[in-house]
Amino acid sequence: FPDQPSRLHYGKAVRRHAWLVGLVVLLALGVATIITSLQSNVYRATTSLIVIQPGDTDLRGQVGDIGLTQTVAGLAETDVVADSVIQQLKLNTTVEKFLTKFKITVRPSASVIDVTFDSTSKTQAVEVLETFNSVFINRVTKDLVAQRASTTESLLGVKIFSAPRLQPKPVAPHPTRTLVIAAFLSTIIGVLLALLRERLDDRIRDRDD
């Protein structure tokens, strides 16, 4: 190649080795298809909890102290809660792996905590959140609910806002996205290989060479 090859020269080189680019793309799509087909579907269950704060025991006012709600949400992701769920359901997993499938989100405009759990089993996904709700609510009741000095009215509590339910479609794998990414990356690799092959080929085919 000249020191500063033109775009036209690059284009001719790629067209000359289009078979190589096509082969790389086909191989990549084939591998991506096989990998995707071997992956199990992952299902997601969701549930929501509401933090009952002072003056909000009838659920009329859902907007409360976001800091307090975040504190309560933080307790949901503790090893103690996760281990209790694992033990009750006799799950064959560790606390660390369990928590990677577990997600807590606090709604900024309300005292609501959204919880999700991912599993390859539809039944297990729902059962985990049902057990979590029971374990977590009992834990909060035991450890965080303060009592007024003159009455027995609770200052803090957690109730189920939305019962555990399964999302209608799997959240993984994503075959279409995987194939698109594989096609894009393999095209780039194919073009680079075509240019490298052209550079190493010292045969003269036309005047530009």
N, C-alpha and C. Protein backbone atom coordinates (compact mmCIF):
# COMPACT_ATOMS: atom_id res chain seq x y z
N PHE A 1 0.84 -1.20 0.00
CA PHE A 1 0.00 0.00 0.00
C PHE A 1 0.87 1.24 0.00
N PRO A 2 0.34 2.34 -0.55
CA PRO A 2 1.03 3.62 -0.42
C PRO A 2 1.01 4.06 1.04
N ASP A 3 1.77 5.09 1.34
CA ASP A 3 1.85 5.58 2.71
C ASP A 3 0.49 6.06 3.19
N GLN A 4 -0.27 6.71 2.31
CA GLN A 4 -1.59 7.19 2.68
C GLN A 4 -2.62 6.65 1.69
N PRO A 5 -3.04 5.42 1.88
CA PRO A 5 -3.96 4.79 0.93
C PRO A 5 -5.31 5.50 0.92
N SER A 6 -5.90 5.57 -0.22
CA SER A 6 -7.19 6.23 -0.36
C SER A 6 -8.32 5.34 0.11
N ARG A 7 -9.47 5.97 0.33
CA ARG A 7 -10.65 5.20 0.71
C ARG A 7 -11.03 4.24 -0.40
N LEU A 8 -10.80 4.66 -1.64
CA LEU A 8 -11.11 3.80 -2.78
C LEU A 8 -10.29 2.52 -2.73
N HIS A 9 -9.02 2.68 -2.36
CA HIS A 9 -8.14 1.52 -2.28
C HIS A 9 -8.62 0.58 -1.17
N TYR A 10 -9.02 1.14 -0.05
CA TYR A 10 -9.56 0.32 1.03
C TYR A 10 -10.81 -0.42 0.56
N GLY A 11 -11.69 0.30 -0.13
CA GLY A 11 -12.92 -0.30 -0.61
C GLY A 11 -12.67 -1.46 -1.55
N LYS A 12 -11.70 -1.30 -2.46
CA LYS A 12 -11.36 -2.36 -3.39
C LYS A 12 -10.80 -3.57 -2.65
N ALA A 13 -10.01 -3.29 -1.62
CA ALA A 13 -9.42 -4.39 -0.85
C ALA A 13 -10.50 -5.19 -0.13
N VAL A 14 -11.48 -4.48 0.43
CA VAL A 14 -12.56 -5.17 1.15
C VAL A 14 -13.42 -5.96 0.17
N ARG A 15 -13.72 -5.37 -0.98
CA ARG A 15 -14.54 -6.09 -1.97
C ARG A 15 -13.81 -7.32 -2.49
N ARG A 16 -12.51 -7.21 -2.61
CA ARG A 16 -11.72 -8.33 -3.10
C ARG A 16 -11.74 -9.51 -2.13
N HIS A 17 -11.86 -9.17 -0.86
CA HIS A 17 -11.88 -10.22 0.15
C HIS A 17 -13.25 -10.27 0.86
N ALA A 18 -14.29 -9.96 0.11
CA ALA A 18 -15.64 -9.97 0.69
C ALA A 18 -16.00 -11.35 1.22
N TRP A 19 -15.48 -12.39 0.58
CA TRP A 19 -15.76 -13.74 1.04
C TRP A 19 -15.27 -13.96 2.48
N LEU A 20 -14.10 -13.34 2.78
CA LEU A 20 -13.54 -13.48 4.12
C LEU A 20 -14.41 -12.77 5.15
N VAL A 21 -14.86 -11.55 4.80
CA VAL A 21 -15.74 -10.80 5.71
C VAL A 21 -17.03 -11.58 5.95
N GLY A 22 -17.60 -12.10 4.86
CA GLY A 22 -18.83 -12.87 4.98
C GLY A 22 -18.65 -14.12 5.82
N LEU A 23 -17.51 -14.78 5.66
CA LEU A 23 -17.24 -16.00 6.42
C LEU A 23 -17.15 -15.71 7.92
N VAL A 24 -16.44 -14.62 8.26
CA VAL A 24 -16.30 -14.25 9.67
C VAL A 24 -17.66 -13.93 10.27
N VAL A 25 -18.49 -13.20 9.54
CA VAL A 25 -19.82 -12.84 10.04
C VAL A 25 -20.68 -14.09 10.24
N LEU A 26 -20.66 -14.99 9.26
CA LEU A 26 -21.46 -16.22 9.37
C LEU A 26 -21.00 -17.08 10.55
N LEU A 27 -19.70 -17.18 10.74
CA LEU A 27 -19.19 -17.96 11.87
C LEU A 27 -19.61 -17.34 13.20
N ALA A 28 -19.52 -16.00 13.28
CA ALA A 28 -19.90 -15.32 14.51
C ALA A 28 -21.38 -15.49 14.81
N LEU A 29 -22.22 -15.37 13.78
CA LEU A 29 -23.66 -15.54 13.97
C LEU A 29 -23.99 -16.97 14.37
N GLY A 30 -23.26 -17.92 13.79
CA GLY A 30 -23.48 -19.31 14.15
C GLY A 30 -23.14 -19.59 15.60
N VAL A 31 -21.98 -19.08 16.04
CA VAL A 31 -21.57 -19.27 17.43
C VAL A 31 -22.55 -18.57 18.38
N ALA A 32 -22.97 -17.35 18.03
CA ALA A 32 -23.91 -16.61 18.87
C ALA A 32 -25.24 -17.33 18.98
N THR A 33 -25.69 -17.91 17.88
CA THR A 33 -26.95 -18.66 17.89
C THR A 33 -26.87 -19.89 18.79
N ILE A 34 -25.75 -20.60 18.70
CA ILE A 34 -25.56 -21.80 19.53
C ILE A 34 -25.52 -21.43 21.01
N ILE A 35 -24.75 -20.39 21.32
CA ILE A 35 -24.63 -19.97 22.73
C ILE A 35 -25.98 -19.55 23.28
N THR A 36 -26.73 -18.77 22.50
CA THR A 36 -28.05 -18.30 22.94
C THR A 36 -29.02 -19.46 23.15
N SER A 37 -28.97 -20.44 22.25
CA SER A 37 -29.89 -21.57 22.35
C SER A 37 -29.58 -22.45 23.56
N LEU A 38 -28.34 -22.43 24.02
CA LEU A 38 -27.95 -23.23 25.18
C LEU A 38 -28.27 -22.55 26.51
N GLN A 39 -28.55 -21.26 26.47
CA GLN A 39 -28.85 -20.53 27.69
C GLN A 39 -30.30 -20.76 28.11
N SER A 40 -30.49 -20.90 29.41
CA SER A 40 -31.84 -21.09 29.94
C SER A 40 -32.55 -19.74 30.06
N ASN A 41 -33.86 -19.76 29.89
CA ASN A 41 -34.64 -18.54 30.08
C ASN A 41 -34.58 -18.10 31.54
N VAL A 42 -34.47 -16.81 31.74
CA VAL A 42 -34.45 -16.24 33.09
C VAL A 42 -35.75 -15.46 33.28
N TYR A 43 -36.46 -15.79 34.36
CA TYR A 43 -37.74 -15.15 34.65
C TYR A 43 -37.60 -14.23 35.85
N ARG A 44 -38.38 -13.16 35.85
CA ARG A 44 -38.29 -12.16 36.92
C ARG A 44 -39.63 -12.03 37.64
N ALA A 45 -39.57 -12.14 38.95
CA ALA A 45 -40.73 -11.89 39.79
C ALA A 45 -40.56 -10.54 40.48
N THR A 46 -41.66 -9.86 40.73
CA THR A 46 -41.60 -8.54 41.35
C THR A 46 -42.59 -8.45 42.49
N THR A 47 -42.24 -7.63 43.46
CA THR A 47 -43.14 -7.34 44.57
C THR A 47 -42.84 -5.93 45.07
N SER A 48 -43.75 -5.34 45.79
CA SER A 48 -43.55 -4.00 46.33
C SER A 48 -43.97 -3.96 47.79
N LEU A 49 -43.19 -3.25 48.56
CA LEU A 49 -43.48 -3.06 49.98
C LEU A 49 -43.62 -1.58 50.26
N ILE A 50 -44.45 -1.23 51.22
CA ILE A 50 -44.61 0.18 51.59
C ILE A 50 -44.18 0.36 53.04
N VAL A 51 -43.39 1.39 53.27
CA VAL A 51 -42.92 1.70 54.62
C VAL A 51 -43.94 2.61 55.27
N ILE A 52 -44.55 2.15 56.36
CA ILE A 52 -45.56 2.91 57.08
C ILE A 52 -44.85 3.77 58.11
N GLN A 53 -44.97 5.08 57.95
CA GLN A 53 -44.29 6.03 58.81
C GLN A 53 -45.28 6.73 59.73
N PRO A 54 -44.80 7.46 60.72
CA PRO A 54 -45.69 8.15 61.66
C PRO A 54 -46.76 8.97 60.95
N GLY A 55 -48.01 8.79 61.35
CA GLY A 55 -49.11 9.54 60.75
C GLY A 55 -49.56 8.99 59.43
N ASP A 56 -49.02 7.83 59.02
CA ASP A 56 -49.36 7.27 57.71
C ASP A 56 -49.83 5.83 57.84
N THR A 57 -50.35 5.47 58.99
CA THR A 57 -50.72 4.09 59.23
C THR A 57 -51.92 3.62 58.43
N ASP A 58 -52.70 4.54 57.86
CA ASP A 58 -53.85 4.13 57.06
C ASP A 58 -53.54 4.12 55.57
N LEU A 59 -52.24 4.34 55.21
CA LEU A 59 -51.76 4.32 53.82
C LEU A 59 -52.30 5.47 52.99
N ARG A 60 -52.89 6.47 53.61
CA ARG A 60 -53.41 7.60 52.82
C ARG A 60 -52.28 8.45 52.27
N GLY A 61 -51.25 8.65 53.07
CA GLY A 61 -50.14 9.47 52.60
C GLY A 61 -48.93 8.61 52.32
N GLN A 62 -48.64 8.36 51.05
CA GLN A 62 -47.58 7.45 50.68
C GLN A 62 -46.22 8.15 50.59
N VAL A 63 -46.21 9.47 50.60
CA VAL A 63 -44.96 10.20 50.51
C VAL A 63 -44.43 10.43 51.91
N GLY A 64 -43.24 9.95 52.18
CA GLY A 64 -42.70 10.08 53.52
C GLY A 64 -41.22 10.43 53.49
N ASP A 65 -40.53 10.08 54.52
CA ASP A 65 -39.12 10.35 54.67
C ASP A 65 -38.33 9.40 53.77
N ILE A 66 -37.78 9.92 52.67
CA ILE A 66 -37.06 9.08 51.72
C ILE A 66 -35.84 8.47 52.36
N GLY A 67 -35.22 9.20 53.28
CA GLY A 67 -34.05 8.67 53.96
C GLY A 67 -34.38 7.44 54.79
N LEU A 68 -35.50 7.50 55.49
CA LEU A 68 -35.93 6.36 56.30
C LEU A 68 -36.28 5.18 55.42
N THR A 69 -36.95 5.45 54.30
CA THR A 69 -37.30 4.37 53.38
C THR A 69 -36.04 3.71 52.81
N GLN A 70 -35.03 4.51 52.46
CA GLN A 70 -33.79 3.95 51.95
C GLN A 70 -33.06 3.13 53.01
N THR A 71 -33.16 3.57 54.27
CA THR A 71 -32.56 2.80 55.36
C THR A 71 -33.21 1.43 55.48
N VAL A 72 -34.55 1.42 55.42
CA VAL A 72 -35.28 0.15 55.49
C VAL A 72 -34.93 -0.72 54.29
N ALA A 73 -34.84 -0.10 53.11
CA ALA A 73 -34.50 -0.85 51.89
C ALA A 73 -33.12 -1.48 52.00
N GLY A 74 -32.20 -0.75 52.63
CA GLY A 74 -30.85 -1.28 52.80
C GLY A 74 -30.83 -2.55 53.63
N LEU A 75 -31.74 -2.63 54.59
CA LEU A 75 -31.82 -3.84 55.43
C LEU A 75 -32.27 -5.06 54.63
N ALA A 76 -33.02 -4.80 53.54
CA ALA A 76 -33.52 -5.91 52.73
C ALA A 76 -32.40 -6.65 52.01
N GLU A 77 -31.29 -5.97 51.79
CA GLU A 77 -30.18 -6.57 51.04
C GLU A 77 -29.09 -7.12 51.95
N THR A 78 -29.39 -7.29 53.21
CA THR A 78 -28.38 -7.80 54.14
C THR A 78 -28.25 -9.31 54.02
N ASP A 79 -27.08 -9.81 54.44
CA ASP A 79 -26.83 -11.25 54.40
C ASP A 79 -27.79 -12.01 55.30
N VAL A 80 -28.20 -11.39 56.40
CA VAL A 80 -29.09 -12.07 57.35
C VAL A 80 -30.42 -12.41 56.69
N VAL A 81 -31.01 -11.45 55.98
CA VAL A 81 -32.29 -11.69 55.32
C VAL A 81 -32.12 -12.73 54.21
N ALA A 82 -31.08 -12.56 53.40
CA ALA A 82 -30.84 -13.50 52.30
C ALA A 82 -30.63 -14.92 52.81
N ASP A 83 -29.86 -15.06 53.88
CA ASP A 83 -29.59 -16.38 54.43
C ASP A 83 -30.86 -17.02 54.98
N SER A 84 -31.72 -16.22 55.58
CA SER A 84 -32.98 -16.76 56.11
C SER A 84 -33.86 -17.30 54.99
N VAL A 85 -33.93 -16.56 53.87
CA VAL A 85 -34.72 -17.02 52.72
C VAL A 85 -34.14 -18.32 52.17
N ILE A 86 -32.81 -18.36 52.02
CA ILE A 86 -32.14 -19.55 51.50
C ILE A 86 -32.42 -20.76 52.38
N GLN A 87 -32.34 -20.56 53.68
CA GLN A 87 -32.55 -21.67 54.61
C GLN A 87 -33.99 -22.15 54.59
N GLN A 88 -34.94 -21.24 54.55
CA GLN A 88 -36.35 -21.64 54.58
C GLN A 88 -36.74 -22.40 53.31
N LEU A 89 -36.20 -21.98 52.16
CA LEU A 89 -36.55 -22.64 50.90
C LEU A 89 -35.58 -23.76 50.54
N LYS A 90 -34.53 -23.91 51.37
CA LYS A 90 -33.50 -24.93 51.11
C LYS A 90 -32.92 -24.79 49.71
N LEU A 91 -32.56 -23.56 49.36
CA LEU A 91 -31.98 -23.28 48.05
C LEU A 91 -30.52 -23.71 47.99
N ASN A 92 -30.14 -24.28 46.87
CA ASN A 92 -28.76 -24.71 46.68
C ASN A 92 -27.95 -23.55 46.11
N THR A 93 -27.68 -22.57 46.94
CA THR A 93 -26.94 -21.39 46.49
C THR A 93 -26.27 -20.74 47.70
N THR A 94 -25.41 -19.77 47.42
CA THR A 94 -24.76 -19.02 48.49
C THR A 94 -25.42 -17.66 48.62
N VAL A 95 -25.16 -16.99 49.71
CA VAL A 95 -25.72 -15.65 49.93
C VAL A 95 -25.25 -14.71 48.83
N GLU A 96 -23.97 -14.80 48.47
CA GLU A 96 -23.42 -13.91 47.45
C GLU A 96 -24.12 -14.10 46.11
N LYS A 97 -24.31 -15.34 45.69
CA LYS A 97 -24.98 -15.60 44.41
C LYS A 97 -26.45 -15.19 44.48
N PHE A 98 -27.06 -15.43 45.62
CA PHE A 98 -28.47 -15.07 45.79
C PHE A 98 -28.66 -13.57 45.59
N LEU A 99 -27.79 -12.78 46.21
CA LEU A 99 -27.94 -11.32 46.15
C LEU A 99 -27.68 -10.76 44.75
N THR A 100 -26.93 -11.48 43.90
CA THR A 100 -26.71 -11.01 42.53
C THR A 100 -28.00 -11.08 41.71
N LYS A 101 -28.93 -11.92 42.12
CA LYS A 101 -30.20 -12.06 41.40
C LYS A 101 -31.31 -11.21 42.02
N PHE A 102 -30.95 -10.52 43.06
CA PHE A 102 -31.89 -9.78 43.89
C PHE A 102 -31.66 -8.29 43.70
N LYS A 103 -32.74 -7.52 43.50
CA LYS A 103 -32.58 -6.08 43.28
C LYS A 103 -33.63 -5.30 44.06
N ILE A 104 -33.15 -4.25 44.73
CA ILE A 104 -34.01 -3.37 45.51
C ILE A 104 -34.01 -1.97 44.89
N THR A 105 -35.19 -1.39 44.71
CA THR A 105 -35.31 -0.04 44.18
C THR A 105 -36.29 0.75 45.04
N VAL A 106 -35.91 1.98 45.39
CA VAL A 106 -36.78 2.85 46.19
C VAL A 106 -37.41 3.89 45.26
N ARG A 107 -38.72 3.99 45.29
CA ARG A 107 -39.39 5.01 44.49
C ARG A 107 -39.16 6.37 45.15
N PRO A 108 -38.58 7.31 44.43
CA PRO A 108 -38.22 8.59 45.03
C PRO A 108 -39.40 9.43 45.50
N SER A 109 -40.58 9.20 44.92
CA SER A 109 -41.74 10.03 45.27
C SER A 109 -42.68 9.35 46.24
N ALA A 110 -42.29 8.20 46.77
CA ALA A 110 -43.18 7.48 47.69
C ALA A 110 -42.36 6.61 48.62
N SER A 111 -42.99 6.18 49.68
CA SER A 111 -42.32 5.29 50.64
C SER A 111 -42.50 3.84 50.23
N VAL A 112 -42.23 3.57 48.95
CA VAL A 112 -42.43 2.24 48.38
C VAL A 112 -41.10 1.65 47.95
N ILE A 113 -40.92 0.38 48.29
CA ILE A 113 -39.70 -0.35 47.92
C ILE A 113 -40.10 -1.44 46.92
N ASP A 114 -39.51 -1.38 45.73
CA ASP A 114 -39.76 -2.41 44.71
C ASP A 114 -38.65 -3.45 44.77
N VAL A 115 -39.04 -4.72 44.75
CA VAL A 115 -38.09 -5.82 44.87
C VAL A 115 -38.26 -6.77 43.69
N THR A 116 -37.15 -7.20 43.09
CA THR A 116 -37.22 -8.18 42.01
C THR A 116 -36.25 -9.32 42.29
N PHE A 117 -36.58 -10.48 41.76
CA PHE A 117 -35.69 -11.63 41.86
C PHE A 117 -35.73 -12.39 40.54
N ASP A 118 -34.56 -12.75 40.04
CA ASP A 118 -34.45 -13.47 38.77
C ASP A 118 -34.11 -14.94 39.01
N SER A 119 -34.76 -15.80 38.25
CA SER A 119 -34.51 -17.24 38.39
C SER A 119 -34.85 -17.94 37.08
N THR A 120 -34.21 -19.08 36.86
CA THR A 120 -34.55 -19.89 35.69
C THR A 120 -35.83 -20.68 35.92
N SER A 121 -36.35 -20.64 37.14
CA SER A 121 -37.60 -21.32 37.48
C SER A 121 -38.67 -20.28 37.78
N LYS A 122 -39.79 -20.37 37.08
CA LYS A 122 -40.89 -19.44 37.31
C LYS A 122 -41.41 -19.57 38.74
N THR A 123 -41.61 -20.81 39.18
CA THR A 123 -42.14 -21.06 40.51
C THR A 123 -41.20 -20.53 41.59
N GLN A 124 -39.90 -20.81 41.42
CA GLN A 124 -38.94 -20.38 42.43
C GLN A 124 -38.86 -18.86 42.53
N ALA A 125 -38.96 -18.16 41.41
CA ALA A 125 -38.88 -16.71 41.43
C ALA A 125 -39.96 -16.11 42.33
N VAL A 126 -41.17 -16.63 42.21
CA VAL A 126 -42.29 -16.13 43.02
C VAL A 126 -42.14 -16.59 44.47
N GLU A 127 -41.76 -17.85 44.68
CA GLU A 127 -41.62 -18.37 46.03
C GLU A 127 -40.56 -17.61 46.83
N VAL A 128 -39.48 -17.23 46.16
CA VAL A 128 -38.42 -16.49 46.85
C VAL A 128 -38.95 -15.16 47.37
N LEU A 129 -39.71 -14.44 46.55
CA LEU A 129 -40.22 -13.15 46.99
C LEU A 129 -41.31 -13.30 48.05
N GLU A 130 -42.10 -14.35 47.97
CA GLU A 130 -43.11 -14.58 49.02
C GLU A 130 -42.42 -14.82 50.36
N THR A 131 -41.36 -15.63 50.32
CA THR A 131 -40.61 -15.92 51.55
C THR A 131 -39.87 -14.68 52.02
N PHE A 132 -39.31 -13.94 51.08
CA PHE A 132 -38.61 -12.70 51.44
C PHE A 132 -39.54 -11.74 52.16
N ASN A 133 -40.74 -11.55 51.63
CA ASN A 133 -41.69 -10.63 52.26
C ASN A 133 -41.95 -11.02 53.71
N SER A 134 -42.16 -12.30 53.93
CA SER A 134 -42.43 -12.77 55.29
C SER A 134 -41.22 -12.55 56.20
N VAL A 135 -40.04 -12.94 55.71
CA VAL A 135 -38.82 -12.80 56.51
C VAL A 135 -38.50 -11.34 56.80
N PHE A 136 -38.59 -10.52 55.77
CA PHE A 136 -38.19 -9.12 55.92
C PHE A 136 -39.14 -8.35 56.81
N ILE A 137 -40.45 -8.54 56.62
CA ILE A 137 -41.43 -7.83 57.45
C ILE A 137 -41.27 -8.23 58.91
N ASN A 138 -41.05 -9.52 59.15
CA ASN A 138 -40.84 -9.97 60.53
C ASN A 138 -39.55 -9.37 61.11
N ARG A 139 -38.54 -9.26 60.28
CA ARG A 139 -37.28 -8.71 60.74
C ARG A 139 -37.42 -7.24 61.11
N VAL A 140 -38.11 -6.48 60.25
CA VAL A 140 -38.31 -5.06 60.53
C VAL A 140 -39.16 -4.89 61.78
N THR A 141 -40.20 -5.71 61.89
CA THR A 141 -41.06 -5.63 63.07
C THR A 141 -40.26 -5.90 64.34
N LYS A 142 -39.35 -6.84 64.26
CA LYS A 142 -38.57 -7.22 65.44
C LYS A 142 -37.49 -6.20 65.79
N ASP A 143 -36.80 -5.67 64.75
CA ASP A 143 -35.60 -4.86 65.00
C ASP A 143 -35.81 -3.35 64.91
N LEU A 144 -36.78 -2.89 64.10
CA LEU A 144 -36.86 -1.46 63.83
C LEU A 144 -38.10 -0.76 64.36
N VAL A 145 -39.15 -1.49 64.67
CA VAL A 145 -40.39 -0.83 65.07
C VAL A 145 -40.25 -0.29 66.50
N ALA A 146 -40.26 1.02 66.61
CA ALA A 146 -40.17 1.64 67.94
C ALA A 146 -41.57 1.82 68.50
N GLN A 147 -41.66 1.98 69.78
CA GLN A 147 -42.95 2.17 70.44
C GLN A 147 -43.00 3.57 71.09
N ARG A 148 -44.16 4.19 70.98
CA ARG A 148 -44.34 5.49 71.61
C ARG A 148 -44.24 5.35 73.13
N ALA A 149 -43.84 6.40 73.76
CA ALA A 149 -43.65 6.34 75.22
C ALA A 149 -44.97 6.10 75.96
N SER A 150 -46.05 6.70 75.43
CA SER A 150 -47.31 6.63 76.18
C SER A 150 -48.34 5.70 75.56
N THR A 151 -48.11 5.20 74.36
CA THR A 151 -49.07 4.31 73.72
C THR A 151 -48.33 3.13 73.11
N THR A 152 -49.08 2.24 72.55
CA THR A 152 -48.49 1.07 71.89
C THR A 152 -48.52 1.22 70.37
N GLU A 153 -48.77 2.42 69.88
CA GLU A 153 -48.85 2.64 68.44
C GLU A 153 -47.45 2.59 67.82
N SER A 154 -47.29 1.85 66.76
CA SER A 154 -46.00 1.68 66.11
C SER A 154 -45.58 2.95 65.38
N LEU A 155 -44.31 3.23 65.48
CA LEU A 155 -43.77 4.38 64.74
C LEU A 155 -43.36 3.99 63.33
N LEU A 156 -43.13 2.70 63.11
CA LEU A 156 -42.63 2.27 61.81
C LEU A 156 -43.11 0.86 61.53
N GLY A 157 -43.44 0.61 60.28
CA GLY A 157 -43.83 -0.73 59.88
C GLY A 157 -43.67 -0.90 58.38
N VAL A 158 -43.74 -2.13 57.93
CA VAL A 158 -43.64 -2.45 56.51
C VAL A 158 -44.79 -3.37 56.15
N LYS A 159 -45.49 -3.04 55.08
CA LYS A 159 -46.59 -3.87 54.62
C LYS A 159 -46.43 -4.17 53.13
N ILE A 160 -47.06 -5.25 52.70
CA ILE A 160 -47.02 -5.62 51.28
C ILE A 160 -47.91 -4.67 50.49
N PHE A 161 -47.33 -3.98 49.53
CA PHE A 161 -48.05 -3.04 48.69
C PHE A 161 -48.53 -3.73 47.42
N SER A 162 -47.71 -4.65 46.91
CA SER A 162 -48.06 -5.42 45.72
C SER A 162 -47.51 -6.83 45.89
N ALA A 163 -48.39 -7.83 45.84
CA ALA A 163 -47.99 -9.22 46.07
C ALA A 163 -47.04 -9.70 44.97
N PRO A 164 -46.18 -10.67 45.28
CA PRO A 164 -45.25 -11.19 44.26
C PRO A 164 -45.98 -11.69 43.03
N ARG A 165 -45.48 -11.32 41.88
CA ARG A 165 -46.07 -11.74 40.61
C ARG A 165 -44.95 -11.92 39.58
N LEU A 166 -45.20 -12.74 38.60
CA LEU A 166 -44.20 -13.04 37.59
C LEU A 166 -44.40 -12.16 36.36
N GLN A 167 -43.31 -11.60 35.85
CA GLN A 167 -43.41 -10.85 34.60
C GLN A 167 -43.74 -11.81 33.46
N PRO A 168 -44.55 -11.38 32.50
CA PRO A 168 -45.06 -12.30 31.47
C PRO A 168 -43.99 -12.89 30.55
N LYS A 169 -42.89 -12.15 30.32
CA LYS A 169 -41.87 -12.63 29.40
C LYS A 169 -40.52 -12.78 30.10
N PRO A 170 -39.68 -13.71 29.63
CA PRO A 170 -38.34 -13.86 30.22
C PRO A 170 -37.53 -12.57 30.05
N VAL A 171 -36.66 -12.30 31.00
CA VAL A 171 -35.82 -11.10 30.91
C VAL A 171 -34.47 -11.42 30.27
N ALA A 172 -34.19 -12.69 30.05
CA ALA A 172 -32.95 -13.12 29.40
C ALA A 172 -33.16 -14.56 28.92
N PRO A 173 -32.39 -14.99 27.88
CA PRO A 173 -31.41 -14.20 27.12
C PRO A 173 -32.10 -13.27 26.12
N HIS A 174 -31.27 -12.48 25.41
CA HIS A 174 -31.77 -11.55 24.41
C HIS A 174 -31.19 -11.94 23.05
N PRO A 175 -31.78 -12.93 22.37
CA PRO A 175 -31.20 -13.43 21.13
C PRO A 175 -31.03 -12.39 20.03
N THR A 176 -32.03 -11.53 19.87
CA THR A 176 -31.93 -10.51 18.81
C THR A 176 -30.78 -9.56 19.06
N ARG A 177 -30.68 -9.06 20.29
CA ARG A 177 -29.59 -8.14 20.63
C ARG A 177 -28.24 -8.82 20.50
N THR A 178 -28.17 -10.08 20.92
CA THR A 178 -26.91 -10.82 20.82
C THR A 178 -26.47 -10.98 19.37
N LEU A 179 -27.42 -11.30 18.49
CA LEU A 179 -27.09 -11.48 17.08
C LEU A 179 -26.68 -10.17 16.42
N VAL A 180 -27.35 -9.09 16.79
CA VAL A 180 -27.00 -7.78 16.22
C VAL A 180 -25.58 -7.39 16.63
N ILE A 181 -25.25 -7.57 17.91
CA ILE A 181 -23.90 -7.25 18.39
C ILE A 181 -22.87 -8.14 17.72
N ALA A 182 -23.19 -9.44 17.59
CA ALA A 182 -22.26 -10.37 16.95
C ALA A 182 -22.02 -9.99 15.50
N ALA A 183 -23.09 -9.60 14.80
CA ALA A 183 -22.94 -9.20 13.39
C ALA A 183 -22.10 -7.94 13.26
N PHE A 184 -22.32 -6.96 14.14
CA PHE A 184 -21.58 -5.70 14.08
C PHE A 184 -20.09 -5.91 14.35
N LEU A 185 -19.79 -6.62 15.43
CA LEU A 185 -18.38 -6.83 15.79
C LEU A 185 -17.66 -7.71 14.78
N SER A 186 -18.35 -8.74 14.29
CA SER A 186 -17.71 -9.64 13.34
C SER A 186 -17.47 -8.95 12.00
N THR A 187 -18.32 -8.01 11.63
CA THR A 187 -18.09 -7.26 10.39
C THR A 187 -16.81 -6.42 10.50
N ILE A 188 -16.64 -5.77 11.66
CA ILE A 188 -15.42 -4.99 11.87
C ILE A 188 -14.19 -5.89 11.82
N ILE A 189 -14.26 -7.04 12.51
CA ILE A 189 -13.13 -7.97 12.51
C ILE A 189 -12.87 -8.49 11.10
N GLY A 190 -13.93 -8.80 10.38
CA GLY A 190 -13.78 -9.30 9.01
C GLY A 190 -13.10 -8.29 8.10
N VAL A 191 -13.50 -7.02 8.22
CA VAL A 191 -12.88 -5.96 7.40
C VAL A 191 -11.40 -5.82 7.74
N LEU A 192 -11.08 -5.84 9.02
CA LEU A 192 -9.68 -5.73 9.44
C LEU A 192 -8.85 -6.89 8.91
N LEU A 193 -9.41 -8.09 8.95
CA LEU A 193 -8.70 -9.25 8.42
C LEU A 193 -8.52 -9.15 6.90
N ALA A 194 -9.55 -8.61 6.24
CA ALA A 194 -9.46 -8.43 4.79
C ALA A 194 -8.34 -7.45 4.44
N LEU A 195 -8.26 -6.34 5.18
CA LEU A 195 -7.21 -5.35 4.93
C LEU A 195 -5.83 -5.93 5.26
N LEU A 196 -5.75 -6.71 6.32
CA LEU A 196 -4.47 -7.33 6.67
C LEU A 196 -4.04 -8.33 5.60
N ARG A 197 -4.98 -9.11 5.12
CA ARG A 197 -4.67 -10.08 4.07
C ARG A 197 -4.22 -9.37 2.80
N GLU A 198 -4.87 -8.27 2.50
CA GLU A 198 -4.50 -7.50 1.31
C GLU A 198 -3.09 -6.93 1.45
N ARG A 199 -2.77 -6.48 2.63
CA ARG A 199 -1.46 -5.88 2.87
C ARG A 199 -0.34 -6.92 2.75
N LEU A 200 -0.64 -8.15 3.18
CA LEU A 200 0.36 -9.22 3.12
C LEU A 200 0.46 -9.86 1.74
N ASP A 201 -0.51 -9.55 0.88
CA ASP A 201 -0.52 -10.12 -0.48
C ASP A 201 0.23 -9.17 -1.41
N ASP A 202 1.39 -9.60 -1.91
CA ASP A 202 2.20 -8.70 -2.76
C ASP A 202 1.99 -8.96 -4.24
N ARG A 203 0.94 -9.70 -4.58
CA ARG A 203 0.66 -9.91 -6.01
C ARG A 203 0.11 -8.62 -6.65
N ILE A 204 0.42 -8.41 -7.91
CA ILE A 204 -0.03 -7.21 -8.64
C ILE A 204 -1.20 -7.61 -9.51
N ARG A 205 -2.35 -6.93 -9.27
CA ARG A 205 -3.56 -7.24 -10.01
C ARG A 205 -3.96 -6.11 -10.95
N ASP A 206 -3.67 -4.87 -10.58
CA ASP A 206 -3.99 -3.73 -11.44
C ASP A 206 -2.99 -2.62 -11.20
N ARG A 207 -3.19 -1.49 -11.83
CA ARG A 207 -2.24 -0.36 -11.75
C ARG A 207 -2.10 0.17 -10.33
N ASP A 208 -3.23 0.17 -9.56
CA ASP A 208 -3.17 0.70 -8.20
C ASP A 208 -2.25 -0.12 -7.31
N ASP A 209 -2.11 -1.41 -7.60
CA ASP A 209 -1.26 -2.26 -6.80
C ASP A 209 0.22 -1.96 -7.09
